Protein backbone atom coordinates (compact mmCIF):
# COMPACT_ATOMS: atom_id res chain seq x y z
CA MET A 1 0.06 -0.03 0.02
CA SER A 2 1.46 3.31 -0.95
CA LEU A 3 1.75 6.23 1.55
CA ARG A 4 -1.27 8.38 1.62
CA SER A 5 -2.48 11.51 3.44
CA ILE A 6 -2.98 11.08 7.20
CA GLY A 7 -6.47 11.19 8.47
CA LEU A 8 -7.24 13.62 11.26
CA ASP A 9 -9.25 12.90 14.37
CA ASP A 10 -10.31 15.50 16.76
CA ARG A 11 -7.13 15.20 18.95
CA LEU A 12 -4.81 15.53 16.04
CA TYR A 13 -6.75 18.30 14.49
CA ASP A 14 -6.65 20.24 17.68
CA TYR A 15 -2.89 19.70 17.88
CA LEU A 16 -2.57 20.93 14.25
CA LEU A 17 -4.38 24.15 15.13
CA ASP A 18 -2.50 24.63 18.50
CA ASN A 19 0.87 24.33 16.62
CA SER A 20 0.39 26.09 13.43
CA LEU A 21 -2.48 28.44 13.52
CA ARG A 22 -1.53 32.22 13.71
CA GLU A 23 -5.08 33.77 13.46
CA HIS A 24 -5.47 37.51 13.45
CA PRO A 25 -7.65 38.50 16.46
CA VAL A 26 -10.29 40.00 14.03
CA LEU A 27 -10.29 36.85 12.02
CA ARG A 28 -10.91 34.75 15.22
CA ARG A 29 -13.91 37.03 16.29
CA LEU A 30 -15.35 36.73 12.92
CA ARG A 31 -15.08 33.05 12.85
CA GLU A 32 -16.54 32.75 16.34
CA GLU A 33 -19.51 34.97 15.45
CA THR A 34 -20.21 32.99 12.18
CA ALA A 35 -19.98 29.66 14.01
CA ALA A 36 -23.28 30.58 15.68
CA LEU A 37 -25.16 30.87 12.38
CA PRO A 38 -27.31 27.96 10.99
CA GLU A 39 -25.05 28.28 7.78
CA SER A 40 -21.82 28.16 9.66
CA ASN A 41 -20.59 25.16 7.54
CA MET A 42 -20.24 27.65 4.62
CA GLN A 43 -17.22 29.20 6.41
CA ILE A 44 -13.74 27.82 5.41
CA ALA A 45 -11.60 26.22 8.16
CA PRO A 46 -9.12 28.65 9.77
CA GLU A 47 -6.09 26.47 8.67
CA GLN A 48 -7.29 26.72 5.08
CA GLY A 49 -7.53 30.53 5.25
CA GLN A 50 -3.90 30.69 6.58
CA PHE A 51 -2.77 28.26 3.82
CA MET A 52 -4.34 30.41 1.20
CA ALA A 53 -2.86 33.63 2.60
CA LEU A 54 0.64 31.87 2.58
CA LEU A 55 0.14 30.94 -1.09
CA LEU A 56 -0.69 34.62 -1.96
CA ARG A 57 2.32 35.92 -0.22
CA LEU A 58 4.58 33.29 -1.91
CA MET A 59 3.26 34.36 -5.35
CA GLY A 60 3.36 38.17 -4.47
CA ALA A 61 -0.22 38.51 -5.22
CA ARG A 62 -1.65 42.07 -5.56
CA THR A 63 -5.08 41.50 -7.17
CA GLY A 64 -7.77 38.84 -6.91
CA ILE A 65 -11.29 37.73 -7.39
CA GLU A 66 -13.52 36.02 -4.78
CA ILE A 67 -16.82 34.35 -5.79
CA GLY A 68 -18.85 33.77 -2.68
CA VAL A 69 -18.14 35.95 0.34
CA PHE A 70 -20.53 34.78 3.08
CA THR A 71 -19.58 36.67 6.21
CA GLY A 72 -16.07 37.54 4.79
CA TYR A 73 -13.62 35.26 6.62
CA SER A 74 -11.82 34.06 3.43
CA THR A 75 -11.83 37.57 1.98
CA LEU A 76 -10.22 38.86 5.18
CA CYS A 77 -7.61 36.21 5.16
CA CYS A 78 -6.64 37.07 1.65
CA ALA A 79 -6.97 40.89 2.01
CA LEU A 80 -4.55 40.72 5.00
CA ALA A 81 -2.01 38.91 2.83
CA LEU A 82 -2.05 41.59 0.12
CA PRO A 83 -0.11 44.81 0.13
CA GLU A 84 -1.73 47.99 1.04
CA ASP A 85 -2.54 48.82 -2.63
CA GLY A 86 -3.95 45.39 -3.25
CA ARG A 87 -7.42 44.80 -4.47
CA ILE A 88 -10.02 42.01 -4.28
CA VAL A 89 -13.23 42.09 -6.45
CA ALA A 90 -15.62 40.19 -4.18
CA CYS A 91 -18.90 38.78 -5.60
CA ASP A 92 -21.93 38.06 -3.50
CA LEU A 93 -25.79 38.50 -3.31
CA SER A 94 -26.56 38.60 0.37
CA GLU A 95 -26.74 42.13 2.07
CA GLU A 96 -27.18 40.34 5.44
CA TRP A 97 -24.03 38.32 5.38
CA THR A 98 -21.91 40.90 3.68
CA THR A 99 -23.00 43.54 6.22
CA THR A 100 -21.05 41.35 8.83
CA ALA A 101 -18.19 40.98 6.41
CA ARG A 102 -17.94 44.71 5.89
CA ARG A 103 -17.88 45.29 9.71
CA TYR A 104 -14.91 43.04 10.17
CA TRP A 105 -13.05 44.21 7.11
CA ARG A 106 -13.39 47.74 8.48
CA GLU A 107 -12.13 46.71 11.92
CA ALA A 108 -9.15 45.07 10.38
CA GLY A 109 -8.27 48.04 8.40
CA VAL A 110 -8.60 46.36 4.94
CA GLU A 111 -11.98 47.54 3.72
CA GLY A 112 -10.36 49.71 1.13
CA ARG A 113 -8.75 46.66 -0.54
CA ILE A 114 -12.11 44.95 -1.15
CA ASP A 115 -14.38 46.07 -4.02
CA LEU A 116 -17.68 44.31 -3.04
CA ARG A 117 -19.96 43.85 -6.02
CA MET A 118 -23.60 42.76 -5.19
CA ALA A 119 -24.64 41.06 -8.40
CA PRO A 120 -24.73 37.55 -9.88
CA ALA A 121 -21.10 36.56 -10.06
CA LEU A 122 -21.09 35.63 -13.72
CA GLU A 123 -22.51 39.11 -14.59
CA THR A 124 -19.58 40.81 -12.60
CA LEU A 125 -16.92 38.48 -14.25
CA ALA A 126 -18.29 39.30 -17.69
CA GLY A 127 -18.26 43.00 -16.84
CA LEU A 128 -14.62 42.81 -15.79
CA LEU A 129 -13.70 41.06 -19.09
CA ALA A 130 -15.66 43.84 -20.96
CA GLU A 131 -13.73 46.42 -19.00
CA GLY A 132 -10.54 45.01 -20.32
CA TYR A 133 -9.35 43.22 -17.18
CA GLY A 134 -8.61 39.93 -19.11
CA ALA A 135 -5.45 38.06 -18.03
CA SER A 136 -4.75 40.63 -15.31
CA PHE A 137 -5.61 39.19 -11.94
CA ASP A 138 -3.20 37.31 -9.77
CA TYR A 139 -5.65 34.77 -8.28
CA ALA A 140 -9.31 33.81 -7.87
CA PHE A 141 -11.17 31.96 -5.10
CA ILE A 142 -14.33 30.12 -6.04
CA ASP A 143 -16.70 29.11 -3.16
CA ALA A 144 -20.28 29.72 -4.10
CA ASP A 145 -23.05 27.90 -6.13
CA LYS A 146 -21.56 24.58 -6.96
CA GLU A 147 -23.76 24.08 -10.08
CA GLN A 148 -21.98 27.10 -11.59
CA TYR A 149 -18.43 25.99 -10.64
CA CYS A 150 -17.52 25.08 -14.31
CA PRO A 151 -18.71 28.55 -15.68
CA TYR A 152 -17.02 30.34 -12.83
CA TYR A 153 -13.75 28.45 -13.49
CA GLU A 154 -13.78 29.23 -17.17
CA ALA A 155 -14.50 33.00 -16.59
CA CYS A 156 -11.74 33.17 -13.94
CA LEU A 157 -9.32 31.43 -16.21
CA CYS A 158 -9.88 34.35 -18.73
CA LEU A 159 -9.31 36.87 -16.03
CA ILE A 160 -6.28 35.67 -14.37
CA ARG A 161 -2.70 36.28 -15.67
CA THR A 162 -0.34 33.42 -16.85
CA GLY A 163 1.14 32.00 -13.69
CA GLY A 164 -1.92 33.13 -11.82
CA LEU A 165 -3.78 30.75 -9.35
CA ILE A 166 -7.43 29.56 -9.21
CA LEU A 167 -8.42 28.23 -5.77
CA ILE A 168 -11.66 26.23 -5.66
CA ASP A 169 -13.33 25.14 -2.42
CA ASN A 170 -15.35 22.07 -1.54
CA VAL A 171 -14.02 19.95 -4.20
CA LEU A 172 -14.32 16.69 -2.00
CA TRP A 173 -17.74 17.66 -0.83
CA ASN A 174 -17.63 15.79 2.44
CA GLY A 175 -16.82 12.61 0.58
CA SER A 176 -19.86 12.59 -1.61
CA VAL A 177 -18.03 12.91 -4.85
CA ALA A 178 -16.66 9.39 -4.21
CA ASP A 179 -20.02 7.87 -3.47
CA PRO A 180 -21.61 6.69 -6.73
CA SER A 181 -25.12 6.52 -5.13
CA ASN A 182 -25.10 10.20 -4.37
CA GLN A 183 -26.60 11.88 -7.56
CA GLU A 184 -27.46 15.35 -5.98
CA ARG A 185 -27.08 18.14 -8.43
CA ASP A 186 -24.31 19.82 -6.39
CA THR A 187 -22.33 16.61 -6.05
CA ILE A 188 -22.64 15.99 -9.91
CA ALA A 189 -21.50 19.53 -10.59
CA ILE A 190 -18.43 19.10 -8.46
CA ARG A 191 -17.73 15.77 -10.07
CA GLN A 192 -17.91 17.21 -13.56
CA LEU A 193 -15.61 20.19 -12.53
CA ASN A 194 -12.96 17.83 -11.06
CA SER A 195 -13.03 15.59 -14.17
CA HIS A 196 -12.70 18.71 -16.30
CA LEU A 197 -9.82 20.04 -14.53
CA LYS A 198 -7.95 16.72 -14.46
CA SER A 199 -7.87 16.76 -18.32
CA ASP A 200 -7.36 20.65 -18.72
CA GLU A 201 -3.93 21.17 -20.26
CA ARG A 202 -4.28 25.01 -19.71
CA ILE A 203 -3.37 24.51 -16.02
CA ASP A 204 -1.12 22.82 -13.42
CA LEU A 205 -3.20 21.07 -10.99
CA SER A 206 -3.24 19.80 -7.39
CA VAL A 207 -6.13 18.89 -5.10
CA VAL A 208 -5.24 19.44 -1.36
CA ALA A 209 -7.05 17.63 1.38
CA ILE A 210 -7.59 20.57 3.57
CA GLY A 211 -10.95 21.62 4.79
CA ASP A 212 -13.50 20.25 2.41
CA GLY A 213 -10.97 19.80 -0.30
CA LEU A 214 -9.18 22.65 -2.08
CA THR A 215 -8.15 22.69 -5.84
CA LEU A 216 -5.13 24.56 -6.90
CA ALA A 217 -5.10 25.36 -10.55
CA ARG A 218 -2.15 27.41 -11.90
CA LYS A 219 -2.60 28.97 -15.27
CA ARG A 220 0.05 27.93 -17.76
């Protein structure tokens, strides 16, 4: 049997957080407030946010796109990793959730780096392309309507530069993608995306077993 990724029980997961997580105090308060919501499972894991921020720092990212803001935790992780003149175009539809996001972005001093656009994401992405922003962004993070994952990916691939990075959340979908009996629409959509990316020669690809599965797609 070949070596495989280690499984994390609660004890080992707590150890991982205790020995690696360096969470900004504002991020921690936002995560704790969001944990009280019925939709709290929509928030990324803190170690994933830290990993994404590290990737952005490693690549010297200055501009990004986020599809699916929720209460703003992932956006804040990324904004804190950008330089002061960095910019994130953030796409969402919920005034309620993004009101919370804005409050914490303001508290962390990064609200000026985030251009929140309240419209269907595909419309926002098409608008950016029409405005001449093709092949200009350093990264994109996709974490929204799963049935739109393939269209989101294709639009983001047009918007990021060569060498830029697309990050896609929930690609393991709590294990459902590997269960043939699960034929729910979201599960099927994620399977289709995963299969598409595996054969897409326009990118370098890795799927990381962090959080609920995170795809890293580097544009060639």
